[in-house]
Amino acid sequence: MKKRLLRLCVITLASIVVSVLSTAILMHFMFGNIPRAGLIIAALVPILAGLPITFFIDSQRRKLNVALADLKEAHGQLETLNGELEKQARFDFMTGFLNRRYFVQAVNEQCERTDKGAILCIDVDNFKQINDSFGHLVGDEALKMIAETISSATPQDALLARMGGEEFSVFLQPTDLKTARSVAECIRTAVEAMTFKPREGVTHDLSVSIGLAFTSSAHDFQALFGQADLHMYAAKQQGKNRVILPDNDDLEQVA
């Protein structure tokens, strides 16, 4: 408040000085003398007219500054909201993995760049039993635990996705047969070793079936995931809790 009054006083005083000097110079050239009354009027005009105008302008400037600050804050909130919306559009809310849409896009981009990639199709075994026996909330907790296990068992540069329901996928790039098989087995054994307690005093075994496919034999997501999905179902049919690789002809291209 003191700074505001000081600024108003300085502006008004400067207006008075300018007004008196201008009036004195004009009267000197027009009349040859400088009447005192003219100088008094020249001093009063800035006070009577200029002070309210200056106060109004200063008040409007303050309102403008407040409005600009509010606008800046709103812009920051909008950017934060847009970031959250983009995150929600790209990632699965439960696991933090990529959702199917963005995973498909990312894998297609990788397939265009290299033939040294591999995809893992991972499905939780007997998951319906968990939902039916203990409820969907418990099933969600199991999925979260499995997602954390998958994340811990894969390289940092791997693409991780929840494809929907109890199905996950991992894309490894660049990789080879030995590495891809090792990662898949690491995921399988890590899930198998988990201790999942759906309720107090009850332990439920978890396992996953995994199918692999390599970009050397498929050059887009649809073909690649289709092969891995077939291998995953083969793992189910052969007893679950296992990893199924492509046939020997495909493996020769990877090795």
Protein backbone atom coordinates (compact mmCIF):
# COMPACT_ATOMS: atom_id res chain seq x y z
CA MET A 1 0.00 0.00 0.00
CA LYS A 2 2.80 2.42 0.87
CA LYS A 3 4.55 1.71 -2.43
CA ARG A 4 1.30 2.33 -4.27
CA LEU A 5 0.73 5.72 -2.58
CA LEU A 6 4.34 6.69 -3.17
CA ARG A 7 4.04 5.85 -6.85
CA LEU A 8 0.83 7.90 -7.12
CA CYS A 9 2.48 10.86 -5.39
CA VAL A 10 5.52 10.72 -7.66
CA ILE A 11 3.38 10.55 -10.80
CA THR A 12 1.15 13.41 -9.59
CA LEU A 13 4.14 15.58 -8.64
CA ALA A 14 5.74 14.97 -12.01
CA SER A 15 2.45 15.92 -13.70
CA ILE A 16 2.29 19.15 -11.69
CA VAL A 17 5.84 20.10 -12.63
CA VAL A 18 5.23 19.41 -16.31
CA SER A 19 1.91 21.26 -16.26
CA VAL A 20 3.35 24.36 -14.50
CA LEU A 21 6.42 24.51 -16.74
CA SER A 22 4.37 24.09 -19.89
CA THR A 23 1.89 26.76 -18.77
CA ALA A 24 4.67 29.20 -17.81
CA ILE A 25 6.45 28.80 -21.15
CA LEU A 26 3.22 29.16 -23.13
CA MET A 27 2.12 32.29 -21.20
CA HIS A 28 5.56 33.86 -21.53
CA PHE A 29 5.49 33.59 -25.30
CA MET A 30 1.81 34.53 -25.66
CA PHE A 31 1.47 37.35 -23.11
CA GLY A 32 5.04 38.29 -22.14
CA ASN A 33 4.38 37.64 -18.49
CA ILE A 34 3.41 34.70 -16.23
CA PRO A 35 0.27 35.36 -14.14
CA ARG A 36 0.24 33.69 -10.77
CA ALA A 37 -3.36 32.58 -11.27
CA GLY A 38 -2.36 30.68 -14.36
CA LEU A 39 0.36 28.84 -12.49
CA ILE A 40 -2.06 27.95 -9.68
CA ILE A 41 -4.55 26.56 -12.18
CA ALA A 42 -1.76 24.65 -13.93
CA ALA A 43 -0.84 23.08 -10.59
CA LEU A 44 -4.43 22.26 -9.58
CA VAL A 45 -5.42 20.57 -12.82
CA PRO A 46 -3.08 17.55 -12.38
CA ILE A 47 -4.23 17.21 -8.77
CA LEU A 48 -7.96 17.44 -9.47
CA ALA A 49 -7.98 15.50 -12.74
CA GLY A 50 -4.68 13.65 -12.93
CA LEU A 51 -4.73 12.09 -9.44
CA PRO A 52 -8.05 10.25 -9.93
CA ILE A 53 -7.01 9.19 -13.44
CA THR A 54 -3.65 7.97 -12.16
CA PHE A 55 -5.36 6.10 -9.32
CA PHE A 56 -7.78 4.49 -11.80
CA ILE A 57 -4.96 3.44 -14.14
CA ASP A 58 -2.95 2.00 -11.25
CA SER A 59 -6.02 0.13 -10.01
CA GLN A 60 -6.61 -1.33 -13.47
CA ARG A 61 -2.94 -2.32 -13.70
CA ARG A 62 -3.23 -4.20 -10.44
CA LYS A 63 -6.35 -5.99 -11.66
CA LEU A 64 -4.54 -6.86 -14.87
CA ASN A 65 -1.59 -8.29 -12.93
CA VAL A 66 -3.96 -10.40 -10.83
CA ALA A 67 -5.73 -11.61 -13.98
CA LEU A 68 -2.40 -12.50 -15.61
CA ALA A 69 -1.33 -14.41 -12.50
CA ASP A 70 -4.65 -16.31 -12.49
CA LEU A 71 -4.25 -17.02 -16.20
CA LYS A 72 -0.73 -18.34 -15.66
CA GLU A 73 -1.93 -20.59 -12.85
CA ALA A 74 -4.83 -21.86 -14.98
CA HIS A 75 -2.42 -22.54 -17.85
CA GLY A 76 -0.19 -24.55 -15.52
CA GLN A 77 -3.18 -26.54 -14.26
CA LEU A 78 -4.28 -27.17 -17.84
CA GLU A 79 -0.83 -28.45 -18.79
CA THR A 80 -0.86 -30.76 -15.76
CA LEU A 81 -4.32 -32.01 -16.67
CA ASN A 82 -3.31 -32.58 -20.29
CA GLY A 83 -0.28 -34.54 -19.09
CA GLU A 84 -2.49 -36.71 -16.88
CA LEU A 85 -4.96 -37.29 -19.71
CA GLU A 86 -2.14 -38.24 -22.07
CA LYS A 87 -0.77 -40.64 -19.47
CA GLN A 88 -4.20 -42.21 -19.01
CA ALA A 89 -4.52 -42.56 -22.77
CA ARG A 90 -1.16 -44.33 -23.07
CA PHE A 91 -0.95 -46.46 -19.93
CA ASP A 92 -3.04 -49.05 -18.15
CA PHE A 93 -4.26 -47.47 -14.92
CA MET A 94 -3.89 -50.63 -12.83
CA THR A 95 -0.39 -51.78 -13.77
CA GLY A 96 1.29 -48.71 -15.24
CA PHE A 97 2.13 -50.74 -18.36
CA LEU A 98 1.39 -49.49 -21.87
CA ASN A 99 -2.16 -50.15 -22.99
CA ARG A 100 -2.85 -52.28 -26.04
CA ARG A 101 -3.27 -49.38 -28.46
CA TYR A 102 0.07 -47.72 -27.77
CA PHE A 103 1.87 -51.03 -27.43
CA VAL A 104 0.71 -52.03 -30.92
CA GLN A 105 1.92 -48.70 -32.27
CA ALA A 106 5.30 -48.99 -30.55
CA VAL A 107 5.87 -52.58 -31.68
CA ASN A 108 4.99 -51.74 -35.28
CA GLU A 109 7.55 -48.94 -35.19
CA GLN A 110 10.19 -51.31 -33.83
CA CYS A 111 9.38 -53.95 -36.44
CA GLU A 112 10.12 -51.42 -39.17
CA ARG A 113 13.57 -50.76 -37.70
CA THR A 114 14.90 -54.20 -36.86
CA ASP A 115 14.48 -57.94 -37.35
CA LYS A 116 16.19 -58.65 -34.04
CA GLY A 117 13.17 -58.29 -31.78
CA ALA A 118 11.00 -60.75 -29.90
CA ILE A 119 7.53 -60.60 -28.37
CA LEU A 120 6.30 -62.53 -25.36
CA CYS A 121 2.60 -63.28 -25.01
CA ILE A 122 1.92 -63.94 -21.31
CA ASP A 123 -1.36 -65.23 -19.90
CA VAL A 124 -2.12 -65.89 -16.23
CA ASP A 125 -3.15 -69.51 -15.69
CA ASN A 126 -6.52 -70.30 -14.08
CA PHE A 127 -7.18 -66.63 -13.37
CA LYS A 128 -10.95 -67.08 -13.52
CA GLN A 129 -10.72 -69.31 -10.46
CA ILE A 130 -9.25 -66.40 -8.48
CA ASN A 131 -12.08 -64.07 -9.46
CA ASP A 132 -14.74 -66.71 -8.86
CA SER A 133 -13.31 -67.85 -5.50
CA PHE A 134 -12.11 -64.59 -3.97
CA GLY A 135 -13.68 -61.75 -5.96
CA HIS A 136 -12.52 -59.31 -8.60
CA LEU A 137 -10.74 -56.99 -6.17
CA VAL A 138 -8.49 -59.85 -5.09
CA GLY A 139 -8.02 -60.70 -8.75
CA ASP A 140 -6.88 -57.12 -9.39
CA GLU A 141 -4.31 -57.42 -6.61
CA ALA A 142 -2.99 -60.61 -8.18
CA LEU A 143 -2.62 -58.84 -11.54
CA LYS A 144 -0.74 -55.97 -9.90
CA MET A 145 1.66 -58.39 -8.21
CA ILE A 146 2.24 -60.27 -11.45
CA ALA A 147 2.82 -57.01 -13.33
CA GLU A 148 5.43 -55.97 -10.76
CA THR A 149 7.11 -59.36 -11.12
CA ILE A 150 7.17 -59.08 -14.91
CA SER A 151 8.66 -55.61 -14.66
CA SER A 152 11.37 -56.81 -12.28
CA ALA A 153 12.26 -59.77 -14.51
CA THR A 154 12.65 -57.84 -17.78
CA PRO A 155 15.33 -55.46 -19.09
CA GLN A 156 14.77 -51.75 -18.49
CA ASP A 157 14.44 -51.02 -22.21
CA ALA A 158 11.73 -53.65 -22.76
CA LEU A 159 8.23 -52.54 -23.74
CA LEU A 160 5.65 -53.82 -21.26
CA ALA A 161 1.92 -53.91 -21.91
CA ARG A 162 -1.29 -55.15 -20.43
CA MET A 163 -3.25 -56.40 -23.40
CA GLY A 164 -6.49 -56.78 -21.47
CA GLY A 165 -7.85 -58.95 -18.68
CA GLU A 166 -5.12 -61.28 -17.43
CA GLU A 167 -2.99 -61.08 -20.58
CA PHE A 168 0.34 -59.24 -20.74
CA SER A 169 2.95 -58.78 -23.42
CA VAL A 170 6.64 -57.90 -23.52
CA PHE A 171 8.65 -56.71 -26.52
CA LEU A 172 12.42 -57.20 -26.40
CA GLN A 173 14.70 -55.32 -28.81
CA PRO A 174 17.36 -56.02 -29.80
CA THR A 175 17.55 -59.60 -28.63
CA ASP A 176 18.41 -63.15 -29.65
CA LEU A 177 17.00 -66.59 -28.97
CA LYS A 178 19.04 -67.20 -25.84
CA THR A 179 18.17 -63.85 -24.25
CA ALA A 180 14.48 -64.00 -25.13
CA ARG A 181 14.13 -67.54 -23.79
CA SER A 182 16.02 -66.56 -20.62
CA VAL A 183 13.75 -63.56 -20.00
CA ALA A 184 10.64 -65.67 -20.57
CA GLU A 185 11.83 -68.37 -18.17
CA CYS A 186 12.80 -65.72 -15.63
CA ILE A 187 9.27 -64.30 -15.74
CA ARG A 188 7.70 -67.76 -15.49
CA THR A 189 9.78 -68.90 -12.54
CA ALA A 190 9.42 -65.57 -10.74
CA VAL A 191 5.62 -65.73 -10.97
CA GLU A 192 5.66 -69.37 -9.90
CA ALA A 193 7.70 -68.43 -6.83
CA MET A 194 5.31 -65.66 -5.75
CA THR A 195 3.45 -65.98 -2.48
CA PHE A 196 -0.08 -64.79 -3.06
CA LYS A 197 -2.48 -64.71 -0.13
CA PRO A 198 -6.01 -63.88 -1.29
CA ARG A 199 -7.15 -63.87 2.33
CA GLU A 200 -5.67 -64.43 5.77
CA GLY A 201 -4.33 -67.96 6.14
CA VAL A 202 -4.95 -68.87 2.49
CA THR A 203 -2.21 -69.19 -0.14
CA HIS A 204 -2.99 -69.50 -3.83
CA ASP A 205 -0.43 -70.64 -6.42
CA LEU A 206 0.10 -68.44 -9.45
CA SER A 207 1.62 -69.30 -12.81
CA VAL A 208 1.77 -68.02 -16.37
CA SER A 209 1.93 -69.56 -19.83
CA ILE A 210 4.20 -67.77 -22.30
CA GLY A 211 4.49 -67.92 -26.07
CA LEU A 212 7.34 -66.32 -28.04
CA ALA A 213 7.68 -65.03 -31.60
CA PHE A 214 10.49 -63.19 -33.38
CA THR A 215 10.48 -60.31 -35.83
CA SER A 216 12.65 -62.34 -38.19
CA SER A 217 9.51 -64.32 -39.11
CA ALA A 218 6.88 -61.56 -38.81
CA HIS A 219 7.20 -57.91 -39.72
CA ASP A 220 4.24 -56.24 -38.05
CA PHE A 221 2.41 -56.50 -34.76
CA GLN A 222 -0.57 -58.45 -36.03
CA ALA A 223 1.52 -61.25 -37.50
CA LEU A 224 4.06 -61.21 -34.67
CA PHE A 225 1.53 -61.27 -31.84
CA GLY A 226 -0.57 -63.84 -33.68
CA GLN A 227 2.36 -66.25 -33.68
CA ALA A 228 3.18 -65.61 -30.02
CA ASP A 229 -0.49 -66.03 -29.11
CA LEU A 230 -0.59 -69.44 -30.81
CA HIS A 231 2.50 -70.52 -28.90
CA MET A 232 0.96 -69.28 -25.65
CA TYR A 233 -2.16 -71.41 -26.25
CA ALA A 234 0.11 -74.35 -27.03
CA ALA A 235 1.66 -73.83 -23.60
CA LYS A 236 -1.83 -73.94 -22.08
CA GLN A 237 -2.65 -77.16 -23.89
CA GLN A 238 0.61 -78.78 -22.80
CA GLY A 239 -0.10 -78.26 -19.10
CA LYS A 240 0.33 -74.52 -18.49
CA ASN A 241 3.14 -72.85 -16.50
CA ARG A 242 5.61 -73.19 -19.37
CA VAL A 243 7.30 -71.33 -22.22
CA ILE A 244 6.75 -72.35 -25.84
CA LEU A 245 9.19 -71.23 -28.55
CA PRO A 246 8.62 -71.09 -32.31
CA ASP A 247 9.32 -74.25 -34.32
CA ASN A 248 12.82 -75.13 -35.44
CA ASP A 249 12.55 -73.47 -38.86
CA ASP A 250 11.78 -70.11 -37.27
CA LEU A 251 14.44 -70.58 -34.61
CA GLU A 252 17.10 -71.09 -37.23
CA GLN A 253 16.47 -67.53 -38.42
CA VAL A 254 16.88 -66.18 -34.89
CA ALA A 255 19.90 -68.12 -33.66
